[in-house]
Structures are given as C-alpha cells and as structure tokens.
Amino acid sequence: MPVTLTLPPGAEADALAEALRPLGPDIVLRRAALRARDARPLLMALQAPGRGAYLFHDLRPADAGDVAATIRAYLAAPDGWIRDARPCGRLRLCLKLRIPAG
C-alpha cells in the first residue's frame, strides 16, 4: 500500500526529504504547503487511502529513522490508527493532529 508523506517546500524540508528517500518504493514524497495553528517547523503529513491521517511538527532530518518506524506502525495498525506509539520514537512527541479514516 502506498503511503504519502507530504513536506512543505523550502530548504528546511529539503534535508528531511533527502533523508527519507531511502525508505522504499511504496513511499511517495510530495511537496505542498502545510499549515497548522501553533505548529513548529518542520511539518509533515502522513496518509494513505482508507487510513487515518497524521500531521507531525517540529521534525528534523535526524528523525528519518523514527519516520520509518512510524510508517511500519501505521501500516500494521487497523485503519492506520496507531494505538501504541512507543515504537515511533521521537515522532510520538511531534504529533500535532490525527484524523480518522473517512
């Protein structure tokens, strides 16, 4: 199942996008404006068809391993709804918004 990661345009996101490229062919990196009230740069959205969606903030390139762990948890969770985020590492502390599958 393809997972889409959306990062905003700009230099801050470029380094994270580069660190995420090795994640594999089922990961689609997309660039688009992301905004959320009181969010700290850098934002990233995680979504897949028929699954919940997530918005993370305050990310950095060093989080690429935790992004990979979060994607694994996301794909293993029913409807993408991660109930135990401990395997997600630092990303569990960066969650800004969670939207259930519609």
N, C-alpha and C. Protein backbone atom coordinates (compact mmCIF):
# COMPACT_ATOMS: atom_id res chain seq x y z
N MET A 1 0.84 -1.18 0.00
CA MET A 1 0.00 0.00 0.00
C MET A 1 0.89 1.24 0.00
N PRO A 2 0.66 2.14 -0.93
CA PRO A 2 1.47 3.37 -0.95
C PRO A 2 1.11 4.30 0.20
N VAL A 3 2.13 4.86 0.80
CA VAL A 3 1.98 5.84 1.87
C VAL A 3 2.51 7.16 1.34
N THR A 4 1.76 8.23 1.52
CA THR A 4 2.18 9.55 1.06
C THR A 4 2.66 10.37 2.24
N LEU A 5 3.88 10.86 2.11
CA LEU A 5 4.45 11.81 3.07
C LEU A 5 4.49 13.16 2.39
N THR A 6 3.90 14.15 2.99
CA THR A 6 3.88 15.49 2.42
C THR A 6 4.74 16.39 3.28
N LEU A 7 5.68 17.06 2.63
CA LEU A 7 6.56 18.03 3.28
C LEU A 7 6.37 19.37 2.59
N PRO A 8 6.53 20.46 3.31
CA PRO A 8 6.41 21.77 2.67
C PRO A 8 7.61 22.03 1.77
N PRO A 9 7.47 22.97 0.84
CA PRO A 9 8.63 23.37 0.05
C PRO A 9 9.59 24.16 0.92
N GLY A 10 10.82 24.26 0.48
CA GLY A 10 11.79 25.09 1.18
C GLY A 10 13.00 24.32 1.67
N ALA A 11 14.01 25.07 2.00
CA ALA A 11 15.30 24.49 2.39
C ALA A 11 15.21 23.64 3.64
N GLU A 12 14.39 24.04 4.61
CA GLU A 12 14.29 23.26 5.85
C GLU A 12 13.80 21.83 5.58
N ALA A 13 12.85 21.70 4.66
CA ALA A 13 12.29 20.39 4.36
C ALA A 13 13.17 19.58 3.41
N ASP A 14 14.04 20.25 2.65
CA ASP A 14 14.88 19.54 1.68
C ASP A 14 15.75 18.48 2.35
N ALA A 15 16.35 18.79 3.48
CA ALA A 15 17.23 17.84 4.15
C ALA A 15 16.44 16.64 4.67
N LEU A 16 15.26 16.87 5.21
CA LEU A 16 14.45 15.75 5.66
C LEU A 16 13.99 14.91 4.48
N ALA A 17 13.57 15.55 3.40
CA ALA A 17 13.15 14.81 2.21
C ALA A 17 14.29 13.92 1.70
N GLU A 18 15.49 14.44 1.70
CA GLU A 18 16.65 13.66 1.25
C GLU A 18 16.88 12.47 2.18
N ALA A 19 16.75 12.66 3.47
CA ALA A 19 16.94 11.57 4.43
C ALA A 19 15.85 10.50 4.31
N LEU A 20 14.67 10.88 3.81
CA LEU A 20 13.56 9.94 3.68
C LEU A 20 13.57 9.16 2.37
N ARG A 21 14.32 9.59 1.40
CA ARG A 21 14.31 8.94 0.08
C ARG A 21 14.59 7.43 0.14
N PRO A 22 15.51 6.96 1.00
CA PRO A 22 15.78 5.52 1.03
C PRO A 22 14.69 4.65 1.64
N LEU A 23 13.57 5.23 2.05
CA LEU A 23 12.55 4.44 2.73
C LEU A 23 11.90 3.39 1.85
N GLY A 24 11.93 3.55 0.55
CA GLY A 24 11.41 2.49 -0.31
C GLY A 24 10.42 2.98 -1.35
N PRO A 25 10.09 2.07 -2.27
CA PRO A 25 9.24 2.44 -3.41
C PRO A 25 7.77 2.68 -3.04
N ASP A 26 7.33 2.18 -1.90
CA ASP A 26 5.93 2.38 -1.51
C ASP A 26 5.70 3.70 -0.79
N ILE A 27 6.75 4.51 -0.67
CA ILE A 27 6.64 5.80 -0.02
C ILE A 27 6.67 6.88 -1.09
N VAL A 28 5.62 7.67 -1.15
CA VAL A 28 5.54 8.77 -2.11
C VAL A 28 5.83 10.05 -1.34
N LEU A 29 6.88 10.75 -1.75
CA LEU A 29 7.19 12.06 -1.15
C LEU A 29 6.54 13.14 -1.99
N ARG A 30 5.79 13.98 -1.36
CA ARG A 30 5.08 15.06 -2.03
C ARG A 30 5.43 16.37 -1.34
N ARG A 31 5.48 17.43 -2.09
CA ARG A 31 5.76 18.76 -1.51
C ARG A 31 4.52 19.63 -1.71
N ALA A 32 4.04 20.19 -0.62
CA ALA A 32 2.89 21.09 -0.67
C ALA A 32 2.89 21.93 0.61
N ALA A 33 2.24 23.06 0.57
CA ALA A 33 2.16 23.93 1.75
C ALA A 33 1.40 23.20 2.86
N LEU A 34 1.95 23.23 4.05
CA LEU A 34 1.31 22.66 5.23
C LEU A 34 1.26 23.75 6.30
N ARG A 35 0.10 23.89 6.91
CA ARG A 35 -0.05 24.89 7.96
C ARG A 35 -0.91 24.31 9.08
N ALA A 36 -0.55 24.65 10.29
CA ALA A 36 -1.36 24.27 11.46
C ALA A 36 -1.10 25.30 12.54
N ARG A 37 -2.13 25.69 13.19
CA ARG A 37 -2.00 26.70 14.24
C ARG A 37 -1.01 26.25 15.32
N ASP A 38 -0.13 27.15 15.69
CA ASP A 38 0.87 26.92 16.73
C ASP A 38 1.85 25.79 16.42
N ALA A 39 1.92 25.36 15.16
CA ALA A 39 2.86 24.30 14.78
C ALA A 39 4.26 24.88 14.63
N ARG A 40 5.24 24.06 14.97
CA ARG A 40 6.64 24.45 14.82
C ARG A 40 7.18 23.78 13.55
N PRO A 41 7.96 24.50 12.78
CA PRO A 41 8.55 23.87 11.60
C PRO A 41 9.46 22.74 12.06
N LEU A 42 9.47 21.78 11.44
CA LEU A 42 9.08 21.39 10.13
C LEU A 42 7.88 20.47 10.22
N LEU A 43 6.87 20.66 9.38
CA LEU A 43 5.67 19.85 9.39
C LEU A 43 5.77 18.73 8.37
N MET A 44 5.06 17.62 8.65
CA MET A 44 4.97 16.51 7.71
C MET A 44 3.61 15.85 7.90
N ALA A 45 2.93 15.57 6.79
CA ALA A 45 1.68 14.82 6.82
C ALA A 45 1.96 13.38 6.39
N LEU A 46 1.24 12.44 6.98
CA LEU A 46 1.33 11.01 6.67
C LEU A 46 -0.08 10.54 6.38
N GLN A 47 -0.27 9.93 5.20
CA GLN A 47 -1.60 9.46 4.84
C GLN A 47 -1.54 8.35 3.81
N ALA A 48 -2.62 7.58 3.74
CA ALA A 48 -2.78 6.52 2.75
C ALA A 48 -4.28 6.33 2.53
N PRO A 49 -4.67 5.85 1.35
CA PRO A 49 -6.10 5.67 1.07
C PRO A 49 -6.77 4.76 2.10
N GLY A 50 -7.92 5.20 2.61
CA GLY A 50 -8.71 4.40 3.53
C GLY A 50 -8.14 4.28 4.93
N ARG A 51 -7.14 5.10 5.25
CA ARG A 51 -6.50 5.03 6.56
C ARG A 51 -6.52 6.41 7.22
N GLY A 52 -6.33 6.45 8.52
CA GLY A 52 -6.24 7.71 9.23
C GLY A 52 -5.06 8.52 8.70
N ALA A 53 -5.09 9.81 8.97
CA ALA A 53 -4.00 10.70 8.54
C ALA A 53 -3.41 11.37 9.77
N TYR A 54 -2.13 11.73 9.67
CA TYR A 54 -1.40 12.32 10.78
C TYR A 54 -0.66 13.57 10.31
N LEU A 55 -0.53 14.53 11.20
CA LEU A 55 0.29 15.71 10.95
C LEU A 55 1.29 15.81 12.10
N PHE A 56 2.56 15.82 11.74
CA PHE A 56 3.63 15.94 12.72
C PHE A 56 4.29 17.30 12.55
N HIS A 57 4.85 17.83 13.64
CA HIS A 57 5.58 19.09 13.54
C HIS A 57 6.85 19.01 14.36
N ASP A 58 7.69 20.00 14.19
CA ASP A 58 8.97 20.09 14.90
C ASP A 58 9.92 18.95 14.50
N LEU A 59 9.88 18.57 13.22
CA LEU A 59 10.72 17.48 12.72
C LEU A 59 12.09 18.00 12.27
N ARG A 60 13.03 17.06 12.16
CA ARG A 60 14.38 17.38 11.67
C ARG A 60 14.89 16.16 10.90
N PRO A 61 15.93 16.32 10.09
CA PRO A 61 16.44 15.21 9.28
C PRO A 61 16.81 13.98 10.12
N ALA A 62 17.28 14.17 11.33
CA ALA A 62 17.66 13.04 12.18
C ALA A 62 16.46 12.16 12.55
N ASP A 63 15.25 12.61 12.28
CA ASP A 63 14.04 11.84 12.59
C ASP A 63 13.69 10.80 11.53
N ALA A 64 14.49 10.67 10.48
CA ALA A 64 14.16 9.76 9.38
C ALA A 64 13.93 8.33 9.87
N GLY A 65 14.75 7.85 10.79
CA GLY A 65 14.56 6.50 11.33
C GLY A 65 13.25 6.36 12.08
N ASP A 66 12.87 7.39 12.82
CA ASP A 66 11.59 7.36 13.53
C ASP A 66 10.42 7.48 12.56
N VAL A 67 10.61 8.19 11.46
CA VAL A 67 9.57 8.25 10.42
C VAL A 67 9.36 6.85 9.85
N ALA A 68 10.45 6.13 9.57
CA ALA A 68 10.34 4.77 9.04
C ALA A 68 9.62 3.86 10.04
N ALA A 69 9.94 3.97 11.33
CA ALA A 69 9.28 3.17 12.37
C ALA A 69 7.80 3.52 12.45
N THR A 70 7.48 4.79 12.29
CA THR A 70 6.08 5.23 12.34
C THR A 70 5.31 4.68 11.14
N ILE A 71 5.93 4.66 9.98
CA ILE A 71 5.27 4.10 8.80
C ILE A 71 4.99 2.62 9.01
N ARG A 72 5.94 1.89 9.58
CA ARG A 72 5.71 0.46 9.87
C ARG A 72 4.53 0.29 10.83
N ALA A 73 4.49 1.09 11.88
CA ALA A 73 3.37 1.01 12.84
C ALA A 73 2.06 1.39 12.17
N TYR A 74 2.10 2.39 11.32
CA TYR A 74 0.92 2.87 10.59
C TYR A 74 0.35 1.77 9.71
N LEU A 75 1.21 1.09 8.98
CA LEU A 75 0.75 0.04 8.07
C LEU A 75 0.27 -1.19 8.84
N ALA A 76 0.80 -1.43 10.02
CA ALA A 76 0.40 -2.58 10.82
C ALA A 76 -0.89 -2.33 11.60
N ALA A 77 -1.25 -1.06 11.79
CA ALA A 77 -2.43 -0.70 12.59
C ALA A 77 -3.71 -0.76 11.76
N PRO A 78 -4.78 -1.27 12.36
CA PRO A 78 -6.06 -1.26 11.64
C PRO A 78 -6.46 0.17 11.26
N ASP A 79 -6.78 0.37 10.02
CA ASP A 79 -7.18 1.69 9.51
C ASP A 79 -6.12 2.76 9.72
N GLY A 80 -4.88 2.36 10.02
CA GLY A 80 -3.82 3.34 10.21
C GLY A 80 -3.87 4.03 11.55
N TRP A 81 -4.73 3.58 12.46
CA TRP A 81 -4.90 4.23 13.76
C TRP A 81 -3.92 3.61 14.76
N ILE A 82 -2.80 4.27 14.97
CA ILE A 82 -1.74 3.75 15.86
C ILE A 82 -2.18 3.94 17.31
N ARG A 83 -2.29 2.84 18.04
CA ARG A 83 -2.73 2.93 19.43
C ARG A 83 -1.56 2.97 20.40
N ASP A 84 -0.47 2.33 20.07
CA ASP A 84 0.73 2.36 20.91
C ASP A 84 1.85 2.98 20.09
N ALA A 85 2.16 4.22 20.38
CA ALA A 85 3.13 4.97 19.57
C ALA A 85 4.56 4.85 20.08
N ARG A 86 4.80 4.07 21.09
CA ARG A 86 6.17 3.95 21.62
C ARG A 86 7.18 3.53 20.56
N PRO A 87 6.85 2.62 19.63
CA PRO A 87 7.83 2.26 18.60
C PRO A 87 8.16 3.40 17.63
N CYS A 88 7.38 4.47 17.66
CA CYS A 88 7.58 5.60 16.74
C CYS A 88 8.69 6.54 17.20
N GLY A 89 9.30 6.27 18.34
CA GLY A 89 10.39 7.10 18.82
C GLY A 89 9.94 8.53 19.08
N ARG A 90 10.78 9.48 18.69
CA ARG A 90 10.51 10.89 18.95
C ARG A 90 9.25 11.39 18.24
N LEU A 91 8.85 10.75 17.14
CA LEU A 91 7.67 11.23 16.41
C LEU A 91 6.42 11.22 17.28
N ARG A 92 6.35 10.32 18.26
CA ARG A 92 5.16 10.31 19.13
C ARG A 92 5.04 11.61 19.90
N LEU A 93 6.16 12.31 20.09
CA LEU A 93 6.15 13.60 20.78
C LEU A 93 5.91 14.77 19.82
N CYS A 94 5.94 14.47 18.52
CA CYS A 94 5.79 15.51 17.49
C CYS A 94 4.40 15.50 16.85
N LEU A 95 3.52 14.63 17.31
CA LEU A 95 2.19 14.55 16.73
C LEU A 95 1.42 15.82 17.02
N LYS A 96 0.92 16.44 15.97
CA LYS A 96 0.13 17.67 16.09
C LYS A 96 -1.36 17.38 15.92
N LEU A 97 -1.68 16.46 15.00
CA LEU A 97 -3.08 16.24 14.64
C LEU A 97 -3.24 14.84 14.09
N ARG A 98 -4.36 14.20 14.46
CA ARG A 98 -4.68 12.87 13.96
C ARG A 98 -6.11 12.92 13.43
N ILE A 99 -6.32 12.42 12.21
CA ILE A 99 -7.64 12.46 11.57
C ILE A 99 -8.06 11.04 11.23
N PRO A 100 -9.20 10.58 11.74
CA PRO A 100 -9.62 9.20 11.44
C PRO A 100 -9.95 9.02 9.97
N ALA A 101 -9.90 7.77 9.52
CA ALA A 101 -10.26 7.45 8.14
C ALA A 101 -11.71 7.84 7.90
N GLY A 102 -11.96 8.38 6.73
CA GLY A 102 -13.31 8.86 6.45
C GLY A 102 -14.12 8.00 5.59
